[in-house]
């Protein structure tokens, strides 16, 4: 949930109406974000992660204007025909791009600050710290076509942003702040992605732009390029950015993106339509609204709505990337109506609940691990085969795959927890050591005996990372954990490709293997780019007799 600061004067100017601090705070809190601090010149706002269209000051102002009735209904954006093309050559590491041109940019200090802020917050959220999506914004008039997106060797040179000397791409990763921070995204690839014009490299995504094309107070036209591993996410990111700056009277111009064998035109500012049952609206919110009242409320939230054959046909703005289902539309009806206007009711439920035995065990396990000095993390159940197998020095095996996945990061269900913990260690190498993490969560394994052809299991895993992390250290944690739970166990020799041979063992209860532990193999550490030794264990909580 990002917390961002906004210039109050600029926000009120974009809204186009004078509002007192109290009025402004009340409206912002009603439309979803939460005002943390209302200062004399700045406002600090905590945002919900599902509304990236509100992260920029322009998008926030647009939502407030609509809510106040200054500019109700669906906002239409004109996209001028493409005059520029970008040739795309095969780039394995980041294969997709989308581009746009913003003309008539007025480079006020507020506009430039907003441009930089929205770029960075979209990097952190939709872009997943630039791994999924990265944005480059350039002075269009300093670019000399033809433009090409291609992959080059790390020896190629250019002058990075705010630098005076030419550097190779390898040097950029070593000598610049952005290179050190984001270099891990490209380092494993032999060839690295760049944008090139007739004068050479002007962008090295997802790391840094060139100094030659930087945006200054003299910039009048912008070239926006978005690269990534997921096409849908980069198109959504581009839509949010260009529609925000259309609020500052910039003209949006399309760009032809020429892939081998096909040409696409971006941005695609297409609206989608969702059908909503009016009865469901009243049922979920607990009101008795007429359809005309629902339409009025939806217009206050920036939608266009009409009643067709007893159903609400709702047109969704191109920048509302959070709308996935009719329930999301119903939520906006409730927001427009005002949560403060809803009358609370007691739930009409007569049953009495109690925790399952497994949940009691998990609670006790969690308490023990925290007592041992570990920090709990929660990772998604969704993952990918590369993390589960290749990086763990394992042969690929059957997994539950996602049929229509939207991200290369999440294509299957996880079979074990340790890879997720190593991933957390890999992105936290800058944090003080020792690092001691654990997770209690579900894994999903194929099982043809089950109706769903799969089975969920609750497991516990932990990792210990520091310069002297060892087999004996993790063994002591495992034994303390099992003794505290009263488990009758024994430890046996074991082999596992993810662990160092001779420094790995399994835990057996009766005739069943319930877990394993040991020191992670240097091959695995290298694949995760981990610099410290790691010891780990994983235990199946459902197999334990407690």
Protein backbone atom coordinates (compact mmCIF):
# COMPACT_ATOMS: atom_id res chain seq x y z
CA UNK A 1 0.00 0.00 0.00
CA UNK A 2 2.06 2.96 -1.26
CA UNK A 3 2.07 6.21 0.70
CA UNK A 4 2.65 9.22 -1.55
CA UNK A 5 2.96 13.00 -1.14
CA UNK A 6 1.14 15.53 -3.32
CA UNK A 7 1.43 19.27 -3.83
CA UNK A 8 -1.86 20.64 -2.47
CA UNK A 9 -1.88 23.73 -4.72
CA UNK A 10 -1.26 21.61 -7.84
CA UNK A 11 -4.00 19.15 -6.83
CA UNK A 12 -6.58 21.89 -6.29
CA UNK A 13 -5.58 23.48 -9.61
CA UNK A 14 -6.18 20.18 -11.42
CA UNK A 15 -9.51 19.69 -9.62
CA UNK A 16 -10.63 23.16 -10.69
CA UNK A 17 -12.48 24.01 -7.48
CA UNK A 18 -11.56 25.60 -4.17
CA UNK A 19 -11.89 23.15 -1.29
CA UNK A 20 -11.07 23.52 2.39
CA UNK A 21 -8.61 21.08 3.93
CA UNK A 22 -11.49 19.35 5.68
CA UNK A 23 -13.53 19.02 2.49
CA UNK A 24 -10.56 17.74 0.49
CA UNK A 25 -9.64 15.17 3.14
CA UNK A 26 -13.23 13.95 3.41
CA UNK A 27 -13.59 13.47 -0.36
CA UNK A 28 -10.25 11.65 -0.73
CA UNK A 29 -11.14 9.29 2.13
CA UNK A 30 -14.55 8.60 0.57
CA UNK A 31 -13.23 7.59 -2.88
CA UNK A 32 -10.83 4.95 -1.40
CA UNK A 33 -7.39 6.33 -0.44
CA UNK A 34 -6.71 7.47 3.11
CA UNK A 35 -5.24 10.87 4.01
CA UNK A 36 -2.42 10.35 6.51
CA UNK A 37 -1.34 13.97 6.88
CA UNK A 38 -2.79 17.26 5.65
CA UNK A 39 0.07 19.75 5.71
CA UNK A 40 0.18 23.39 4.71
CA UNK A 41 1.63 22.70 1.25
CA UNK A 42 1.58 18.90 0.93
CA UNK A 43 -0.82 16.02 1.48
CA UNK A 44 0.37 12.51 2.40
CA UNK A 45 -2.00 9.81 1.17
CA UNK A 46 -1.95 6.06 1.71
CA UNK A 47 -3.30 4.28 -1.37
CA UNK A 48 -4.91 0.90 -1.90
CA UNK A 49 -2.68 -1.13 -4.22
CA UNK A 50 -5.64 -2.03 -6.46
CA UNK A 51 -6.16 1.57 -7.70
CA UNK A 52 -2.93 2.49 -9.55
CA UNK A 53 -4.89 5.05 -11.59
CA UNK A 54 -5.06 7.17 -8.41
CA UNK A 55 -1.31 7.09 -7.70
CA UNK A 56 -0.63 10.09 -9.94
CA UNK A 57 -1.87 13.52 -8.89
CA UNK A 58 -3.69 13.88 -12.23
CA UNK A 59 -5.63 10.63 -11.81
CA UNK A 60 -6.52 11.55 -8.24
CA UNK A 61 -7.80 14.95 -9.38
CA UNK A 62 -9.83 13.30 -12.17
CA UNK A 63 -11.52 10.98 -9.66
CA UNK A 64 -12.32 13.89 -7.33
CA UNK A 65 -13.78 15.98 -10.19
CA UNK A 66 -16.00 13.08 -11.18
CA UNK A 67 -17.10 12.42 -7.58
CA UNK A 68 -18.01 16.09 -7.11
CA UNK A 69 -19.99 16.12 -10.35
CA UNK A 70 -17.66 18.65 -12.02
CA UNK A 71 -16.91 16.17 -14.82
CA UNK A 72 -19.16 13.11 -14.48
CA UNK A 73 -19.29 9.99 -16.59
CA UNK A 74 -16.81 8.29 -18.89
CA UNK A 75 -13.76 10.35 -19.87
CA UNK A 76 -12.92 9.98 -23.57
CA UNK A 77 -9.33 10.32 -24.76
CA UNK A 78 -8.38 11.20 -28.32
CA UNK A 79 -5.36 9.33 -29.70
CA UNK A 80 -3.79 10.91 -32.78
CA UNK A 81 -2.62 8.67 -35.61
CA UNK A 82 0.88 7.23 -35.44
CA UNK A 83 3.66 9.14 -37.19
CA UNK A 84 6.55 7.23 -35.64
CA UNK A 85 7.52 3.55 -35.64
CA UNK A 86 9.72 1.36 -33.45
CA UNK A 87 11.22 -1.77 -34.96
CA UNK A 88 11.34 -4.65 -32.48
CA UNK A 89 13.99 -7.33 -32.85
CA UNK A 90 13.80 -10.55 -30.79
CA UNK A 91 14.77 -9.76 -27.18
CA UNK A 92 14.49 -12.94 -25.14
CA UNK A 93 14.84 -11.39 -21.69
CA UNK A 94 12.13 -8.66 -22.11
CA UNK A 95 10.21 -9.47 -25.29
CA UNK A 96 7.32 -6.96 -25.17
CA UNK A 97 7.17 -3.20 -25.58
CA UNK A 98 4.54 -0.48 -25.86
CA UNK A 99 5.17 3.15 -26.76
CA UNK A 100 3.37 6.49 -26.97
CA UNK A 101 4.11 10.14 -27.66
CA UNK A 102 2.85 13.00 -25.49
CA UNK A 103 2.90 16.34 -27.33
CA UNK A 104 2.48 19.87 -25.93
CA UNK A 105 3.99 18.91 -22.57
CA UNK A 106 4.31 21.99 -20.35
CA UNK A 107 7.47 21.40 -18.28
CA UNK A 108 6.45 23.15 -15.05
CA UNK A 109 8.20 22.01 -11.89
CA UNK A 110 4.92 20.38 -10.78
CA UNK A 111 4.52 18.49 -14.07
CA UNK A 112 8.12 17.21 -14.10
CA UNK A 113 7.87 16.16 -10.45
CA UNK A 114 4.59 14.36 -11.15
CA UNK A 115 6.12 12.62 -14.17
CA UNK A 116 9.01 11.27 -12.13
CA UNK A 117 6.76 10.28 -9.21
CA UNK A 118 4.22 8.33 -11.27
CA UNK A 119 7.04 6.58 -13.13
CA UNK A 120 8.62 5.36 -9.90
CA UNK A 121 5.41 4.31 -8.14
CA UNK A 122 4.27 2.36 -11.22
CA UNK A 123 7.69 0.69 -11.27
CA UNK A 124 7.26 -0.42 -7.66
CA UNK A 125 3.63 -1.59 -7.98
CA UNK A 126 2.44 -2.72 -11.42
CA UNK A 127 6.06 -3.15 -12.49
CA UNK A 128 7.00 -5.33 -9.49
CA UNK A 129 10.18 -3.31 -8.88
CA UNK A 130 10.86 -3.16 -12.66
CA UNK A 131 10.99 -6.96 -13.03
CA UNK A 132 7.63 -7.18 -14.80
CA UNK A 133 7.42 -3.68 -16.33
CA UNK A 134 9.85 -0.75 -16.70
CA UNK A 135 9.12 2.75 -18.02
CA UNK A 136 11.41 5.10 -19.90
CA UNK A 137 10.44 8.74 -20.53
CA UNK A 138 12.49 10.79 -23.00
CA UNK A 139 12.63 14.16 -24.71
CA UNK A 140 11.21 13.21 -28.11
CA UNK A 141 12.98 16.04 -29.92
CA UNK A 142 16.39 14.65 -28.90
CA UNK A 143 15.69 11.26 -30.48
CA UNK A 144 16.72 10.80 -34.10
CA UNK A 145 14.77 8.03 -35.92
CA UNK A 146 14.79 5.28 -36.97
CA UNK A 147 14.20 3.73 -33.54
CA UNK A 148 14.92 0.09 -32.81
CA UNK A 149 14.42 -2.09 -29.74
CA UNK A 150 17.04 -4.80 -29.75
CA UNK A 151 19.44 -6.89 -27.65
CA UNK A 152 23.17 -6.14 -27.58
CA UNK A 153 26.29 -7.32 -25.79
CA UNK A 154 27.20 -5.86 -22.42
CA UNK A 155 30.25 -4.20 -24.01
CA UNK A 156 28.09 -1.64 -25.91
CA UNK A 157 28.46 1.92 -24.61
CA UNK A 158 26.40 5.08 -23.97
CA UNK A 159 26.28 7.97 -21.49
CA UNK A 160 23.83 7.11 -18.68
CA UNK A 161 21.47 9.66 -17.11
CA UNK A 162 23.24 12.30 -14.98
CA UNK A 163 26.67 10.98 -16.01
CA UNK A 164 29.36 12.71 -18.05
CA UNK A 165 31.45 9.79 -19.28
CA UNK A 166 30.51 6.98 -21.63
CA UNK A 167 30.11 3.56 -19.99
CA UNK A 168 29.61 0.02 -21.19
CA UNK A 169 26.37 -1.66 -20.12
CA UNK A 170 28.44 -3.81 -17.74
CA UNK A 171 29.93 -0.68 -16.17
CA UNK A 172 26.45 0.84 -15.80
CA UNK A 173 25.48 -2.10 -13.58
CA UNK A 174 28.61 -1.72 -11.46
CA UNK A 175 29.02 2.08 -11.23
CA UNK A 176 25.52 3.60 -11.15
CA UNK A 177 23.01 3.48 -8.30
CA UNK A 178 20.21 2.18 -10.56
CA UNK A 179 22.54 -0.40 -12.06
CA UNK A 180 23.44 -1.82 -8.66
CA UNK A 181 19.81 -1.81 -7.57
CA UNK A 182 18.21 -3.39 -10.66
CA UNK A 183 21.11 -5.13 -12.40
CA UNK A 184 20.01 -8.55 -11.16
CA UNK A 185 17.04 -8.39 -13.56
CA UNK A 186 19.24 -8.63 -16.67
CA UNK A 187 22.51 -10.06 -15.41
CA UNK A 188 21.76 -13.71 -16.21
CA UNK A 189 21.09 -12.93 -19.88
CA UNK A 190 23.90 -12.96 -22.47
CA UNK A 191 22.37 -10.06 -24.44
CA UNK A 192 20.78 -7.02 -22.82
CA UNK A 193 17.81 -4.91 -24.06
CA UNK A 194 18.32 -1.39 -25.42
CA UNK A 195 16.54 1.25 -27.49
CA UNK A 196 18.70 2.63 -30.29
CA UNK A 197 18.25 5.58 -32.64
CA UNK A 198 20.57 6.85 -35.39
CA UNK A 199 22.94 8.27 -32.74
CA UNK A 200 23.16 5.11 -30.62
CA UNK A 201 21.70 3.76 -27.40
CA UNK A 202 19.26 6.09 -25.64
CA UNK A 203 17.64 3.66 -23.18
CA UNK A 204 18.79 0.59 -21.26
CA UNK A 205 15.60 -0.88 -19.77
CA UNK A 206 14.90 -1.70 -17.01
CA UNK A 207 18.00 0.07 -15.66
CA UNK A 208 18.48 3.65 -16.86
CA UNK A 209 17.96 6.14 -19.70
CA UNK A 210 20.66 8.02 -21.54
CA UNK A 211 21.64 11.51 -20.47
CA UNK A 212 21.12 12.68 -24.06
CA UNK A 213 17.32 12.25 -23.98
CA UNK A 214 16.62 13.37 -20.40
CA UNK A 215 13.54 15.50 -19.70
CA UNK A 216 14.33 19.13 -18.82
CA UNK A 217 12.49 22.44 -18.40
CA UNK A 218 12.91 22.90 -22.18
CA UNK A 219 11.18 19.63 -23.12
CA UNK A 220 7.95 20.03 -25.10
CA UNK A 221 7.28 16.52 -26.43
CA UNK A 222 7.75 13.18 -24.66
CA UNK A 223 8.52 9.72 -25.97
CA UNK A 224 7.27 7.07 -23.53
CA UNK A 225 8.49 3.48 -23.81
CA UNK A 226 7.42 0.58 -21.63
CA UNK A 227 9.16 -2.80 -21.73
CA UNK A 228 8.47 -6.00 -19.86
CA UNK A 229 7.74 -9.68 -19.64
CA UNK A 230 3.94 -9.39 -19.57
CA UNK A 231 2.14 -7.60 -22.38
CA UNK A 232 -1.11 -6.91 -20.49
CA UNK A 233 0.71 -5.25 -17.58
CA UNK A 234 2.80 -2.97 -19.79
CA UNK A 235 -0.26 -1.88 -21.82
CA UNK A 236 -2.09 -1.07 -18.56
CA UNK A 237 0.92 0.87 -17.29
CA UNK A 238 1.13 2.90 -20.48
CA UNK A 239 -2.62 3.64 -20.37
CA UNK A 240 -2.41 5.01 -16.83
CA UNK A 241 0.59 7.20 -17.62
CA UNK A 242 -0.67 8.75 -20.86
CA UNK A 243 -4.23 9.36 -19.60
CA UNK A 244 -2.80 11.07 -16.52
CA UNK A 245 -0.88 13.54 -18.66
CA UNK A 246 -3.85 14.07 -20.93
CA UNK A 247 -5.28 15.76 -17.81
CA UNK A 248 -2.45 18.30 -18.20
CA UNK A 249 -3.59 18.97 -21.80
CA UNK A 250 -0.95 16.79 -23.44
CA UNK A 251 -1.95 15.33 -26.80
CA UNK A 252 -1.62 11.55 -27.02
CA UNK A 253 -0.09 10.23 -30.22
CA UNK A 254 0.12 6.55 -31.14
CA UNK A 255 3.30 4.70 -32.12
CA UNK A 256 3.60 1.74 -34.50
CA UNK A 257 5.40 -1.16 -32.81
CA UNK A 258 6.77 -3.44 -35.54
CA UNK A 259 7.40 -6.99 -34.35
CA UNK A 260 8.69 -9.60 -36.81
CA UNK A 261 5.65 -10.54 -38.89
CA UNK A 262 3.14 -8.16 -37.26
CA UNK A 263 2.59 -4.51 -36.35
CA UNK A 264 0.77 -3.23 -33.27
CA UNK A 265 -0.33 0.33 -32.52
CA UNK A 266 -0.05 1.58 -28.95
CA UNK A 267 -1.46 2.90 -26.67
CA UNK A 268 -4.69 0.89 -26.83
CA UNK A 269 -7.11 3.10 -24.91
CA UNK A 270 -9.96 0.62 -25.20
CA UNK A 271 -12.90 0.60 -22.82
CA UNK A 272 -14.36 -2.71 -21.67
CA UNK A 273 -17.99 -3.49 -20.87
CA UNK A 274 -19.27 -5.44 -17.86
CA UNK A 275 -22.88 -6.47 -17.34
CA UNK A 276 -24.23 -6.02 -13.81
CA UNK A 277 -27.50 -7.33 -12.37
CA UNK A 278 -29.25 -4.46 -10.48
CA UNK A 279 -30.75 -6.99 -8.04
CA UNK A 280 -27.24 -8.14 -7.14
CA UNK A 281 -26.21 -4.53 -6.46
CA UNK A 282 -28.94 -4.07 -3.85
CA UNK A 283 -28.44 -7.56 -2.45
CA UNK A 284 -24.70 -7.10 -1.80
CA UNK A 285 -24.86 -3.53 -0.50
CA UNK A 286 -28.12 -3.97 1.45
CA UNK A 287 -29.98 -1.09 -0.20
CA UNK A 288 -33.04 -0.57 -2.36
CA UNK A 289 -31.67 1.66 -5.12
CA UNK A 290 -33.47 2.24 -8.39
CA UNK A 291 -31.55 1.62 -11.63
CA UNK A 292 -31.51 5.36 -12.34
CA UNK A 293 -29.90 5.95 -8.94
CA UNK A 294 -27.31 3.26 -9.70
CA UNK A 295 -26.49 4.89 -13.04
CA UNK A 296 -26.10 8.28 -11.33
CA UNK A 297 -23.73 6.79 -8.73
CA UNK A 298 -21.68 5.00 -11.41
CA UNK A 299 -21.29 8.25 -13.36
CA UNK A 300 -19.85 9.85 -10.20
CA UNK A 301 -17.20 7.10 -10.27
CA UNK A 302 -16.23 7.80 -13.89
CA UNK A 303 -18.28 5.10 -15.66
CA UNK A 304 -20.84 5.26 -18.43
CA UNK A 305 -23.86 3.08 -17.66
CA UNK A 306 -27.21 2.27 -19.25
CA UNK A 307 -30.04 -0.21 -18.68
CA UNK A 308 -30.39 -2.82 -21.44
CA UNK A 309 -32.83 -5.73 -21.09
CA UNK A 310 -32.96 -5.41 -17.32
CA UNK A 311 -29.17 -5.37 -16.88
CA UNK A 312 -26.76 -2.51 -16.31
CA UNK A 313 -24.27 -2.20 -19.17
CA UNK A 314 -21.26 -0.50 -17.60
CA UNK A 315 -18.43 0.90 -19.74
CA UNK A 316 -15.12 0.82 -17.85
CA UNK A 317 -12.50 3.56 -18.42
CA UNK A 318 -9.27 2.37 -20.03
CA UNK A 319 -7.24 3.38 -16.97
CA UNK A 320 -9.31 1.32 -14.47
CA UNK A 321 -7.11 -1.77 -14.53
CA UNK A 322 -8.56 -2.98 -11.22
CA UNK A 323 -12.00 -3.91 -12.60
CA UNK A 324 -12.14 -7.68 -13.07
CA UNK A 325 -15.70 -8.63 -12.15
CA UNK A 326 -19.19 -7.22 -11.60
CA UNK A 327 -18.44 -7.20 -7.85
CA UNK A 328 -15.82 -4.48 -8.47
CA UNK A 329 -18.51 -2.32 -10.09
CA UNK A 330 -20.85 -2.94 -7.14
CA UNK A 331 -18.07 -1.85 -4.77
CA UNK A 332 -17.85 1.47 -6.62
CA UNK A 333 -21.63 1.93 -6.31
CA UNK A 334 -21.18 1.54 -2.54
CA UNK A 335 -18.26 4.01 -2.53
CA UNK A 336 -20.30 6.59 -4.47
CA UNK A 337 -23.28 6.06 -2.14
CA UNK A 338 -20.93 6.52 0.82
CA UNK A 339 -19.93 3.83 3.29
CA UNK A 340 -20.70 6.35 6.02
CA UNK A 341 -24.33 6.39 4.82
CA UNK A 342 -24.77 2.61 5.18
CA UNK A 343 -26.58 1.42 8.32
CA UNK A 344 -24.70 -1.39 10.12
CA UNK A 345 -26.59 -4.63 10.80
CA UNK A 346 -25.79 -7.68 12.90
CA UNK A 347 -25.06 -10.81 10.87
CA UNK A 348 -27.98 -13.22 10.94
CA UNK A 349 -25.83 -16.28 11.71
CA UNK A 350 -26.68 -18.91 14.34
CA UNK A 351 -23.64 -21.19 14.05
CA UNK A 352 -20.65 -21.20 16.39
CA UNK A 353 -17.23 -21.69 14.84
CA UNK A 354 -14.04 -23.16 16.23
CA UNK A 355 -10.54 -23.61 14.76
CA UNK A 356 -9.65 -26.83 12.96
CA UNK A 357 -7.01 -29.04 14.57
CA UNK A 358 -4.63 -28.16 11.71
CA UNK A 359 -5.09 -24.44 12.35
CA UNK A 360 -4.34 -24.96 16.05
CA UNK A 361 -1.15 -26.79 15.09
CA UNK A 362 -0.18 -23.99 12.69
CA UNK A 363 -0.74 -21.39 15.41
CA UNK A 364 1.50 -23.33 17.81
CA UNK A 365 4.14 -23.85 15.10
CA UNK A 366 4.07 -20.15 14.31
CA UNK A 367 4.50 -19.27 17.99
CA UNK A 368 7.47 -21.64 18.30
CA UNK A 369 9.26 -20.30 15.20
CA UNK A 370 8.86 -16.71 16.36
CA UNK A 371 10.21 -17.79 19.75
CA UNK A 372 13.26 -19.28 17.99
CA UNK A 373 13.96 -15.82 16.52
CA UNK A 374 12.52 -16.30 13.03
CA UNK A 375 10.50 -13.76 11.05
CA UNK A 376 7.37 -14.96 9.26
CA UNK A 377 6.76 -14.21 5.59
CA UNK A 378 3.87 -15.05 3.28
CA UNK A 379 4.48 -15.93 -0.36
CA UNK A 380 1.93 -16.53 -3.14
CA UNK A 381 0.90 -20.15 -3.77
CA UNK A 382 1.42 -19.37 -7.46
CA UNK A 383 4.97 -19.63 -8.81
CA UNK A 384 6.83 -20.90 -11.89
CA UNK A 385 8.79 -24.06 -12.80
CA UNK A 386 12.08 -22.15 -13.07
CA UNK A 387 11.96 -21.19 -9.39
CA UNK A 388 10.61 -24.57 -8.25
CA UNK A 389 13.02 -26.77 -10.20
CA UNK A 390 15.76 -25.18 -12.35
CA UNK A 391 17.05 -22.79 -9.69
CA UNK A 392 16.83 -25.58 -7.10
CA UNK A 393 19.05 -27.95 -9.16
CA UNK A 394 16.09 -30.33 -9.64
CA UNK A 395 14.69 -32.19 -12.63
CA UNK A 396 11.28 -30.80 -13.60
CA UNK A 397 8.32 -32.87 -12.42
CA UNK A 398 4.56 -32.66 -12.79
CA UNK A 399 2.92 -29.54 -11.37
CA UNK A 400 -0.55 -28.03 -11.39
CA UNK A 401 -0.30 -25.50 -14.22
CA UNK A 402 -2.33 -22.34 -14.75
CA UNK A 403 -4.14 -22.57 -18.09
CA UNK A 404 -4.52 -18.88 -18.95
CA UNK A 405 -1.77 -17.32 -16.85
CA UNK A 406 -1.26 -13.56 -17.04
CA UNK A 407 2.35 -13.46 -15.86
CA UNK A 408 5.43 -15.57 -16.54
CA UNK A 409 6.14 -15.30 -12.82
CA UNK A 410 2.96 -17.18 -11.92
CA UNK A 411 2.35 -20.16 -14.21
CA UNK A 412 1.90 -23.06 -11.75
CA UNK A 413 1.17 -23.97 -8.14
CA UNK A 414 4.11 -24.45 -5.80
CA UNK A 415 5.09 -27.97 -4.67
CA UNK A 416 7.37 -26.85 -1.85
CA UNK A 417 8.13 -23.71 0.16
CA UNK A 418 11.93 -23.38 0.30
CA UNK A 419 12.28 -21.83 -3.22
CA UNK A 420 10.00 -18.95 -2.18
CA UNK A 421 12.09 -18.30 0.92
CA UNK A 422 15.28 -18.26 -1.16
CA UNK A 423 13.61 -15.74 -3.48
CA UNK A 424 13.00 -13.47 -0.49
CA UNK A 425 16.65 -13.82 0.56
CA UNK A 426 17.74 -12.98 -3.00
CA UNK A 427 15.97 -9.60 -2.99
CA UNK A 428 17.06 -8.74 0.55
CA UNK A 429 20.82 -9.16 0.29
CA UNK A 430 21.20 -5.54 1.39
CA UNK A 431 19.51 -6.30 4.76
CA UNK A 432 21.61 -7.03 7.85
CA UNK A 433 22.58 -10.65 8.57
CA UNK A 434 21.78 -13.14 10.04
CA UNK A 435 18.47 -13.50 8.22
CA UNK A 436 16.10 -16.10 9.68
CA UNK A 437 12.78 -16.54 7.86
CA UNK A 438 9.93 -19.03 7.97
CA UNK A 439 6.65 -19.64 6.19
CA UNK A 440 3.60 -21.75 6.99
CA UNK A 441 1.55 -22.22 3.85
CA UNK A 442 -0.16 -24.51 1.40
CA UNK A 443 1.50 -26.40 -1.43
CA UNK A 444 -0.43 -28.16 -4.19
CA UNK A 445 0.59 -31.52 -5.63
CA UNK A 446 -0.97 -33.55 -8.46
CA UNK A 447 -3.12 -36.43 -7.12
CA UNK A 448 -5.33 -38.35 -9.55
CA UNK A 449 -7.25 -39.92 -6.67
CA UNK A 450 -8.76 -36.56 -5.77
CA UNK A 451 -11.81 -35.07 -7.49
CA UNK A 452 -9.80 -31.97 -8.44
CA UNK A 453 -6.81 -34.11 -9.55
CA UNK A 454 -4.77 -32.24 -6.96
CA UNK A 455 -4.17 -32.13 -3.22
CA UNK A 456 -3.28 -29.25 -0.90
CA UNK A 457 -0.84 -29.82 1.95
CA UNK A 458 0.10 -27.46 4.78
CA UNK A 459 3.84 -27.18 5.24
CA UNK A 460 6.36 -25.29 7.34
CA UNK A 461 9.73 -24.19 5.94
CA UNK A 462 12.54 -22.03 7.24
CA UNK A 463 15.86 -20.63 6.03
CA UNK A 464 18.87 -19.38 7.98
CA UNK A 465 21.37 -17.19 6.14
CA UNK A 466 24.65 -15.80 7.45
CA UNK A 467 28.38 -16.41 7.05
CA UNK A 468 28.37 -19.47 9.34
CA UNK A 469 24.95 -21.01 8.57
CA UNK A 470 25.36 -24.77 8.97
CA UNK A 471 23.77 -28.20 9.12
CA UNK A 472 24.09 -28.35 12.90
CA UNK A 473 22.36 -24.98 13.36
CA UNK A 474 19.27 -25.92 11.36
CA UNK A 475 19.28 -29.42 12.95
CA UNK A 476 19.02 -27.84 16.40
CA UNK A 477 16.00 -25.79 15.25
CA UNK A 478 14.28 -28.87 13.78
CA UNK A 479 14.85 -30.93 16.92
CA UNK A 480 13.70 -28.14 19.26
CA UNK A 481 10.58 -27.65 17.15
CA UNK A 482 9.65 -31.36 17.12
CA UNK A 483 10.39 -31.89 20.82
CA UNK A 484 8.20 -28.93 21.77
CA UNK A 485 5.33 -30.50 19.82
CA UNK A 486 5.90 -33.92 21.35
CA UNK A 487 6.68 -35.63 18.04
CA UNK A 488 8.35 -39.07 18.23
CA UNK A 489 10.87 -38.70 15.41
CA UNK A 490 14.18 -40.01 14.15
CA UNK A 491 16.75 -38.53 11.76
CA UNK A 492 18.07 -40.55 8.83
CA UNK A 493 20.60 -40.12 6.02
CA UNK A 494 19.17 -38.56 2.89
CA UNK A 495 20.13 -37.23 -0.53
CA UNK A 496 18.57 -34.19 -2.19
CA UNK A 497 19.94 -32.28 -5.24
CA UNK A 498 19.17 -28.90 -3.63
CA UNK A 499 21.40 -29.64 -0.63
CA UNK A 500 25.09 -30.42 -0.09
CA UNK A 501 25.66 -34.18 -0.08
CA UNK A 502 26.50 -35.39 3.41
CA UNK A 503 24.94 -32.27 4.96
CA UNK A 504 21.29 -33.16 4.46
CA UNK A 505 18.99 -35.46 6.43
CA UNK A 506 15.36 -36.44 6.56
CA UNK A 507 12.93 -36.53 9.49
CA UNK A 508 10.90 -39.72 9.92
CA UNK A 509 7.93 -40.34 12.22
CA UNK A 510 6.95 -43.99 12.38
CA UNK A 511 7.25 -45.14 8.78
CA UNK A 512 6.53 -41.75 7.20
CA UNK A 513 8.97 -39.11 6.06
CA UNK A 514 7.63 -35.82 7.40
CA UNK A 515 10.44 -33.49 6.35
CA UNK A 516 14.08 -32.82 5.53
CA UNK A 517 16.78 -30.29 6.37
CA UNK A 518 20.36 -29.37 5.55
CA UNK A 519 22.76 -26.90 3.92
CA UNK A 520 21.72 -25.51 0.53
CA UNK A 521 24.05 -26.48 -2.34
CA UNK A 522 26.44 -23.81 -3.71
CA UNK A 523 24.96 -24.53 -7.18
CA UNK A 524 21.56 -23.42 -5.89
CA UNK A 525 23.01 -20.38 -4.12
CA UNK A 526 24.71 -19.34 -7.36
CA UNK A 527 21.47 -19.62 -9.33
CA UNK A 528 19.72 -17.36 -6.81
CA UNK A 529 22.76 -15.02 -6.69
CA UNK A 530 23.01 -15.53 -2.92
CA UNK A 531 26.33 -14.56 -1.37
CA UNK A 532 25.91 -16.12 2.10
CA UNK A 533 25.55 -19.81 3.07
CA UNK A 534 21.97 -20.94 3.69
CA UNK A 535 20.60 -23.82 5.75
CA UNK A 536 16.93 -24.78 5.54
CA UNK A 537 14.26 -27.24 6.53
CA UNK A 538 10.77 -28.13 5.32
CA UNK A 539 8.19 -30.18 7.26
CA UNK A 540 4.76 -31.49 6.28
CA UNK A 541 2.55 -30.40 9.19
CA UNK A 542 -0.36 -32.58 8.05
CA UNK A 543 1.71 -35.77 8.34
CA UNK A 544 2.75 -35.13 11.95
CA UNK A 545 0.99 -36.93 14.78
CA UNK A 546 0.61 -34.27 17.46
